[in-house]
């Protein structure tokens, strides 16, 4: 099984709101990628940072689902 490369679009400047993230997810999904919205707390403290992560689904993953 080949290792999949995941890409993150981080919201570093806090300019993307919830609606913008959802629109971005829809566009990436329509382009044929697997996509998800995630969140993390850098250093375990402070504000929550949201990101959009996407990758190409391999044939192995498609067969399992």
Protein backbone atom coordinates (compact mmCIF):
# COMPACT_ATOMS: atom_id res chain seq x y z
CA UNK A 1 0.00 0.00 0.00
CA UNK A 2 1.47 3.34 -1.05
CA UNK A 3 1.70 6.07 1.53
CA UNK A 4 -0.75 8.86 0.85
CA UNK A 5 0.41 12.44 0.98
CA UNK A 6 -1.86 14.71 2.99
CA UNK A 7 -1.95 18.45 2.53
CA UNK A 8 -3.10 21.01 5.10
CA UNK A 9 -4.46 24.46 4.42
CA UNK A 10 -4.01 26.26 7.71
CA UNK A 11 -5.90 29.33 8.79
CA UNK A 12 -2.86 31.24 10.04
CA UNK A 13 -4.30 34.74 9.81
CA UNK A 14 -7.75 33.73 11.14
CA UNK A 15 -9.32 35.09 7.94
CA UNK A 16 -11.38 31.99 7.05
CA UNK A 17 -14.69 31.74 8.84
CA UNK A 18 -16.89 28.63 9.04
CA UNK A 19 -18.71 29.41 5.78
CA UNK A 20 -15.43 29.95 3.91
CA UNK A 21 -14.04 26.64 5.18
CA UNK A 22 -17.20 24.79 4.11
CA UNK A 23 -17.01 26.35 0.64
CA UNK A 24 -13.35 25.37 0.34
CA UNK A 25 -14.18 21.79 1.39
CA UNK A 26 -16.92 21.56 -1.26
CA UNK A 27 -14.59 22.79 -4.02
CA UNK A 28 -11.80 20.39 -3.09
CA UNK A 29 -14.24 17.45 -2.83
CA UNK A 30 -15.69 18.26 -6.26
CA UNK A 31 -12.14 18.12 -7.62
CA UNK A 32 -12.02 14.46 -6.50
CA UNK A 33 -10.08 14.62 -3.25
CA UNK A 34 -10.95 13.27 0.19
CA UNK A 35 -11.24 16.26 2.48
CA UNK A 36 -11.87 17.03 6.13
CA UNK A 37 -11.94 19.99 8.48
CA UNK A 38 -9.80 19.60 11.58
CA UNK A 39 -8.80 21.66 14.55
CA UNK A 40 -5.78 21.82 16.78
CA UNK A 41 -4.43 23.89 19.63
CA UNK A 42 -0.81 24.82 18.93
CA UNK A 43 1.21 24.10 22.06
CA UNK A 44 -1.91 22.83 23.81
CA UNK A 45 -2.93 26.34 24.80
CA UNK A 46 -4.52 29.43 23.30
CA UNK A 47 -6.94 29.75 20.44
CA UNK A 48 -8.12 26.77 18.44
CA UNK A 49 -6.72 26.77 14.90
CA UNK A 50 -8.89 25.23 12.19
CA UNK A 51 -7.48 23.67 9.03
CA UNK A 52 -8.66 21.92 5.89
CA UNK A 53 -6.84 18.67 5.10
CA UNK A 54 -7.11 16.88 1.76
CA UNK A 55 -5.59 13.89 -0.02
CA UNK A 56 -6.20 11.55 -2.94
CA UNK A 57 -7.93 8.31 -2.07
CA UNK A 58 -5.96 5.25 -3.17
CA UNK A 59 -7.54 2.25 -4.84
CA UNK A 60 -6.94 0.20 -1.68
CA UNK A 61 -9.00 2.64 0.39
CA UNK A 62 -11.81 2.65 -2.16
CA UNK A 63 -12.04 -1.15 -2.11
CA UNK A 64 -12.22 -1.29 1.70
CA UNK A 65 -15.09 1.20 1.77
